[in-house]
Amino acid sequence: MGESLIEFRGTIADHPDFDAGSDAEALYDAMKGFGSDKEAILDLITSRSNAERQEIRAAYKSQFGKDLIDDLKYELTGKFERLIVVLMRPPAYHDAKEIKDAIKGAGTDEKCLIEILASRTNEQIHNLVAAYKDAYGRDLEEDVIGDTSGHFKKMLVVLLQGTREEDDVVSEDLVEQDAQDLYDAGEAQWGTDEAKFIMLLGNRSVIHLQLVFDEYQKIAEKSIEDSIKSELSGDFERLMLAVVQCIRSKPMFFAKRLYKSMKGLGTADNTLIRIMVSRSEIDMLDIRECFRLRYEKSLYNMIQDDTSGDYKPFLRFFPEAAQIAYKMWEISAMTKVQLRGTVRPYQNFDPASDAQALRKAMKGFGYITLIYTVVFHQDLMADLKSELSKNLQRLILGLMMTPAEFEAKMMKKAMEGAGTDEHALIEILVTRSNQEIQEMCSAYQNAYKKSLEDAIASDTSGHFKRILISLAQGAREEDPADMARALEDAQELADACNADSGDLEDKFMSILCTRSFPHLRRVFQEFVRCSNKDIEQIIKKEMSGDVKNAMFAIVRSVKNQPSYFADRLYKAMKGLGTDDRALIRIMVSRSEIDLFNIRKEFKETHDASLHEFIQGDTSGDYRKTLLILCGGED
């Protein structure tokens, strides 16, 4: 798996005025006396490439007769020591130590083995094997065989050979055959021919396998990843998925590993350090780009916000990254997503028999003919109310209403009582089409004898009120992107950020609340060029409260609306208690539009399926109905 030699995509390069002798002396001075100058050590080591660090280490020994790594270990402590020592090791020797630590003792760190062996090039594997032998006097393959078993062991041994075909080897006549062989080895038969998966995924070139995966999708009508999940299990499944992910995109593979190392309770220190250091001279720029694209948050900010002061040294790996944000918006603008719901029209639909079935299902429910059900719809709703418990009742009634009636009711609920559910108002008005908003306004007027605009005006205030009223007009432009106008809009937004007039919110509202989503994607992309900042950064820094939340929701929806809804569902169920209104609102309103896409985004972002979250967070018939709407386990 060869790394691209076309363009440097790391964040640490050779220093232009490198002098190993003077650097060695500077490090010596930083460590002598009482205490150490950590900042000086960090500045110097993180601004030199690994090859230069090896020269510094040799010069240090020559000038002072001591081993630099030993001195660093003596002077430093904790995670800072670990990071600096890892930076000082040659890459192959660091990989060797990581694998040695992964297989020593009672348990095995299979995730570490998988990450390293699935992602390294042939040359890196050969260097790793040699470094392991040199450092520990042992054969790496023998140690791996002794510590693992089954098909997992066999695939690791194949990867340890470092004999994957190079990227200039693409056997076009074999692409279709390999795809068919993979299909025949799994989906097409009872049981799985694991040896075929191992042979093909362990030896074919990256480019060849990318073509094979495309062809496999056509044959199997599902991705190779989905087939691996259904055909394989345990560590072998995890290893093969890692190989496939690295074939598709190593930066995305590492972005996911970094996210998992920091989310939840505590931080997986070794994983964070290993990836940040090992990829710093290879593809860290691309990893950062993939991280922001996948998780709607920069890797820089996640390290800054979600880890302790011990991890601030990692921020040295981040020079200016405006080009990443620019590329991200370009990808968003060019990506075409086919939206899919989870509820579709029933093939043999018969309203009369369905009405009869409902009659039988409810005690004391009078006879319903088709005509009676249509004409006296509210009677059916009243009977449902009397038969069902609170959350199940809300869910079933929501499903029985027309979309416009349901949206109107949700808007009403968000504004009634002592408090206002601003997040619900934002979610509904930001994500609905013009037609959906106009139909909702009509339904609101019919049901509550008051215009939705008046209700919003009396329940909110300031810039937030103006944003909501603007969105409630249902008059967003629907044209494709106009590049010349996008440049003008972007410049206006950038100028508003730099002005002292205080009209930032007004300018953002006039553009973000009125332009079409395709046009806004280009505006946000050009905004990066105009301001050298991402639009999300500006909103987070310069705005606050409900205005910030509304503007941020627009940006998130423009970029990837299913991802926005996935995040809303996650927040509805995480922590203590469940926001059932939000859960019901999204599950009902998106079930026939894009709930399938939302499910996929949920799984990708949170490493657990929406089905699993609902299963663990709800109960009874309420849970059963939600799971039916969910439509699958992913």
Foldseek 3Di string as FASTA:
>chain_A
DDFDPPDWAFLEDADPPADLQVLLVQQVVQQDDPAGDLVSLLVSLRNHQQVSLQSNQVNNCVVPVDGPLVSLCVRDDDLSNVLSSLSNDDLLLSLLVQQVVQQDDDHHPLVSLLLVLLADALVSLVSNQVNNCVPPVDGPLVSLPVRDDDLLNVLSNLSSNNAADEPVDADPVCLLVLLVQCCVQFVVDDAGDSVSLSVVLSHYYLVNVVSSQVNNCVVVVDGPLVRLVVHDDDSNSVSSNSNNCSSVPSLLSLLLQCLVQQDDPHGVSVSNSSSLSSCNRGNVLSNQLNNCLQAVDGPLVCQVPRDDPSSVSSNSSDDQNLVSLLVLLVCLLPDDDDFFFQDDDDPPDDQQVVQVVLQVVAPPRDDDGSVNCVVPVVSSLVSLVVGDDDLVNLLVVLLSDDLLLNLLVLLVVQQDDDHHVLLSLLLSLLQDALVSLVSNQVNNCVPPVDGSLVSLPVRDDDLLNVLSSLSSNNQADADAADLVVLLVLLLQQLVLLVDPPPCNSVSLSVDLSHYHLSNVSSNQSNNCVNNVDGPLVSLVPPHDDSSSVNSNLSVVCSRPVLLSLLVQCCVQQPDPHGVSSSLSSCLSNCNGTHLVVNQVSNCSNVVAGPLVSLVVRDDDPSSVVSNSSSNDGD
